Amino acid sequence: MSTVRFNLVVDWIMRRTTENQNLEDLDYADDLALISHTHSHIQERTWRLNSFAKQGGLNISSKKTELMALNTTNRSPVQVENRDLPYTDRFTYLGSIISSKGGNRPGHPEPSREGQKLS
């Protein structure tokens, strides 16, 4: 698939997946991130993404897809094609390390914001 066609297909898929919603996704080329406030919402969005991806001739790789839960202890399974997606506490998105504990570099915790002044 050509780069232009691929980008058009991904744009179509993401518009259908998140239609009538505020910012709920980040996507660049074939790197996608869905954002949700509830487990049921992320499962619904994942089903929609999978359905529209198939219509566009693309597939979600359950081997390359991970979940990160923030500010919750609910780690109920989210599935693609009846396969549970694994949870992670750290991943890299477009070269930036995202951590569920804050911070952006391995071994470097998020600095304390207590008493910090903004310039």
C-alpha atoms as a PDB file:
ATOM      1  CA  MET A   1       0.000   0.000   0.000  1.00  0.00           C
ATOM      2  CA  SER A   2       1.419   3.419  -0.888  1.00  0.00           C
ATOM      3  CA  THR A   3       2.286   5.854   1.899  1.00  0.00           C
ATOM      4  CA  VAL A   4      -0.408   8.326   0.823  1.00  0.00           C
ATOM      5  CA  ARG A   5      -3.077   5.631   0.640  1.00  0.00           C
ATOM      6  CA  PHE A   6      -1.957   4.171   3.983  1.00  0.00           C
ATOM      7  CA  ASN A   7      -2.241   7.590   5.664  1.00  0.00           C
ATOM      8  CA  LEU A   8      -5.703   8.138   4.161  1.00  0.00           C
ATOM      9  CA  VAL A   9      -6.869   4.712   5.354  1.00  0.00           C
ATOM     10  CA  VAL A  10      -5.500   5.258   8.898  1.00  0.00           C
ATOM     11  CA  ASP A  11      -7.145   8.703   9.031  1.00  0.00           C
ATOM     12  CA  TRP A  12     -10.477   7.180   7.923  1.00  0.00           C
ATOM     13  CA  ILE A  13     -10.158   4.370  10.510  1.00  0.00           C
ATOM     14  CA  MET A  14      -9.377   6.758  13.382  1.00  0.00           C
ATOM     15  CA  ARG A  15     -12.175   9.184  12.443  1.00  0.00           C
ATOM     16  CA  ARG A  16     -14.681   6.304  12.512  1.00  0.00           C
ATOM     17  CA  THR A  17     -13.251   4.834  15.720  1.00  0.00           C
ATOM     18  CA  THR A  18     -13.466   8.086  17.698  1.00  0.00           C
ATOM     19  CA  GLU A  19     -16.331   9.875  15.919  1.00  0.00           C
ATOM     20  CA  ASN A  20     -18.198  12.539  17.899  1.00  0.00           C
ATOM     21  CA  GLN A  21     -15.577  12.482  20.657  1.00  0.00           C
ATOM     22  CA  ASN A  22     -13.011  14.919  21.996  1.00  0.00           C
ATOM     23  CA  LEU A  23      -9.324  14.104  21.726  1.00  0.00           C
ATOM     24  CA  GLU A  24      -9.234  10.372  22.349  1.00  0.00           C
ATOM     25  CA  ASP A  25      -6.416   9.242  20.143  1.00  0.00           C
ATOM     26  CA  LEU A  26      -2.889  10.038  19.139  1.00  0.00           C
ATOM     27  CA  ASP A  27      -1.693   8.693  15.848  1.00  0.00           C
ATOM     28  CA  TYR A  28       1.358   9.058  13.703  1.00  0.00           C
ATOM     29  CA  ALA A  29       1.891   6.689  10.773  1.00  0.00           C
ATOM     30  CA  ASP A  30       1.254   3.212  12.205  1.00  0.00           C
ATOM     31  CA  ASP A  31       1.708   4.213  15.881  1.00  0.00           C
ATOM     32  CA  LEU A  32      -1.705   4.664  17.492  1.00  0.00           C
ATOM     33  CA  ALA A  33      -2.717   5.435  21.062  1.00  0.00           C
ATOM     34  CA  LEU A  34      -6.331   5.382  22.240  1.00  0.00           C
ATOM     35  CA  ILE A  35      -7.186   7.385  25.359  1.00  0.00           C
ATOM     36  CA  SER A  36     -10.113   6.504  27.611  1.00  0.00           C
ATOM     37  CA  HIS A  37     -11.555   7.222  31.045  1.00  0.00           C
ATOM     38  CA  THR A  38     -13.171   3.827  31.626  1.00  0.00           C
ATOM     39  CA  HIS A  39     -12.448   0.176  30.935  1.00  0.00           C
ATOM     40  CA  SER A  40     -15.698  -0.327  29.020  1.00  0.00           C
ATOM     41  CA  HIS A  41     -14.923   2.698  26.863  1.00  0.00           C
ATOM     42  CA  ILE A  42     -11.433   1.459  25.914  1.00  0.00           C
ATOM     43  CA  GLN A  43     -12.826  -2.001  25.093  1.00  0.00           C
ATOM     44  CA  GLU A  44     -15.516  -0.431  22.888  1.00  0.00           C
ATOM     45  CA  ARG A  45     -12.938   1.769  21.134  1.00  0.00           C
ATOM     46  CA  THR A  46     -10.647  -1.222  20.634  1.00  0.00           C
ATOM     47  CA  TRP A  47     -13.492  -3.229  19.051  1.00  0.00           C
ATOM     48  CA  ARG A  48     -14.348  -0.266  16.802  1.00  0.00           C
ATOM     49  CA  LEU A  49     -10.704   0.236  15.847  1.00  0.00           C
ATOM     50  CA  ASN A  50     -10.359  -3.459  14.976  1.00  0.00           C
ATOM     51  CA  SER A  51     -13.568  -3.454  12.940  1.00  0.00           C
ATOM     52  CA  PHE A  52     -12.704  -0.339  10.929  1.00  0.00           C
ATOM     53  CA  ALA A  53      -9.081  -1.447  10.485  1.00  0.00           C
ATOM     54  CA  LYS A  54     -10.306  -4.679   8.882  1.00  0.00           C
ATOM     55  CA  GLN A  55     -12.570  -2.697   6.543  1.00  0.00           C
ATOM     56  CA  GLY A  56      -9.478  -0.721   5.505  1.00  0.00           C
ATOM     57  CA  GLY A  57      -7.452  -3.903   4.958  1.00  0.00           C
ATOM     58  CA  LEU A  58      -5.358  -3.509   8.135  1.00  0.00           C
ATOM     59  CA  ASN A  59      -5.020  -5.578  11.320  1.00  0.00           C
ATOM     60  CA  ILE A  60      -4.221  -4.830  14.962  1.00  0.00           C
ATOM     61  CA  SER A  61      -1.223  -6.875  16.080  1.00  0.00           C
ATOM     62  CA  SER A  62      -2.043  -8.294  19.507  1.00  0.00           C
ATOM     63  CA  LYS A  63       1.677  -9.078  19.866  1.00  0.00           C
ATOM     64  CA  LYS A  64       2.656  -5.402  19.447  1.00  0.00           C
ATOM     65  CA  THR A  65      -0.275  -3.831  21.315  1.00  0.00           C
ATOM     66  CA  GLU A  66      -0.092  -2.924  25.023  1.00  0.00           C
ATOM     67  CA  LEU A  67      -2.332  -1.199  27.555  1.00  0.00           C
ATOM     68  CA  MET A  68      -1.406   1.239  30.287  1.00  0.00           C
ATOM     69  CA  ALA A  69      -3.810   1.975  33.136  1.00  0.00           C
ATOM     70  CA  LEU A  70      -3.333   5.222  35.060  1.00  0.00           C
ATOM     71  CA  ASN A  71      -4.995   6.168  38.350  1.00  0.00           C
ATOM     72  CA  THR A  72      -6.886   2.881  38.568  1.00  0.00           C
ATOM     73  CA  THR A  73      -6.443  -0.618  39.846  1.00  0.00           C
ATOM     74  CA  ASN A  74      -8.853  -2.074  37.274  1.00  0.00           C
ATOM     75  CA  ARG A  75      -6.774  -4.271  34.997  1.00  0.00           C
ATOM     76  CA  SER A  76      -9.627  -6.233  33.499  1.00  0.00           C
ATOM     77  CA  PRO A  77      -8.759  -7.756  30.135  1.00  0.00           C
ATOM     78  CA  VAL A  78      -9.205  -5.785  26.927  1.00  0.00           C
ATOM     79  CA  GLN A  79      -9.373  -8.043  23.922  1.00  0.00           C
ATOM     80  CA  VAL A  80      -8.666  -8.041  20.202  1.00  0.00           C
ATOM     81  CA  GLU A  81      -9.894 -11.114  18.331  1.00  0.00           C
ATOM     82  CA  ASN A  82     -10.503 -12.924  21.661  1.00  0.00           C
ATOM     83  CA  ARG A  83      -6.909 -12.343  22.786  1.00  0.00           C
ATOM     84  CA  ASP A  84      -6.183 -10.413  25.968  1.00  0.00           C
ATOM     85  CA  LEU A  85      -3.894  -7.446  25.435  1.00  0.00           C
ATOM     86  CA  PRO A  86      -1.074  -7.216  28.003  1.00  0.00           C
ATOM     87  CA  TYR A  87      -0.793  -4.355  30.478  1.00  0.00           C
ATOM     88  CA  THR A  88       2.489  -2.497  30.851  1.00  0.00           C
ATOM     89  CA  ASP A  89       3.825   0.168  33.215  1.00  0.00           C
ATOM     90  CA  ARG A  90       6.170   1.664  30.616  1.00  0.00           C
ATOM     91  CA  PHE A  91       6.315   1.994  26.842  1.00  0.00           C
ATOM     92  CA  THR A  92       7.847   4.160  24.151  1.00  0.00           C
ATOM     93  CA  TYR A  93       5.642   6.255  21.855  1.00  0.00           C
ATOM     94  CA  LEU A  94       7.367   8.152  19.048  1.00  0.00           C
ATOM     95  CA  GLY A  95      10.671   7.994  20.900  1.00  0.00           C
ATOM     96  CA  SER A  96       9.287   9.240  24.233  1.00  0.00           C
ATOM     97  CA  ILE A  97       9.138   6.946  27.234  1.00  0.00           C
ATOM     98  CA  ILE A  98       5.721   6.960  28.884  1.00  0.00           C
ATOM     99  CA  SER A  99       5.579   5.637  32.450  1.00  0.00           C
ATOM    100  CA  SER A 100       2.567   4.957  34.640  1.00  0.00           C
ATOM    101  CA  LYS A 101       4.621   6.178  37.604  1.00  0.00           C
ATOM    102  CA  GLY A 102       5.583   9.495  35.981  1.00  0.00           C
ATOM    103  CA  GLY A 103       8.913  10.627  34.688  1.00  0.00           C
ATOM    104  CA  ASN A 104      10.237  10.053  31.237  1.00  0.00           C
ATOM    105  CA  ARG A 105      13.579   8.283  31.620  1.00  0.00           C
ATOM    106  CA  PRO A 106      14.343   4.870  33.092  1.00  0.00           C
ATOM    107  CA  GLY A 107      15.625   5.165  36.644  1.00  0.00           C
ATOM    108  CA  HIS A 108      14.672   8.842  36.885  1.00  0.00           C
ATOM    109  CA  PRO A 109      11.495   9.400  38.903  1.00  0.00           C
ATOM    110  CA  GLU A 110       9.176  12.301  38.236  1.00  0.00           C
ATOM    111  CA  PRO A 111      10.477  15.369  40.096  1.00  0.00           C
ATOM    112  CA  SER A 112       8.456  16.489  43.085  1.00  0.00           C
ATOM    113  CA  ARG A 113       6.070  19.316  42.220  1.00  0.00           C
ATOM    114  CA  GLU A 114       5.658  20.282  45.857  1.00  0.00           C
ATOM    115  CA  GLY A 115       6.937  23.794  46.397  1.00  0.00           C
ATOM    116  CA  GLN A 116       7.894  24.164  42.740  1.00  0.00           C
ATOM    117  CA  LYS A 117       7.455  27.630  41.278  1.00  0.00           C
ATOM    118  CA  LEU A 118       6.307  28.226  37.747  1.00  0.00           C
ATOM    119  CA  SER A 119       8.195  30.853  35.756  1.00  0.00           C
END
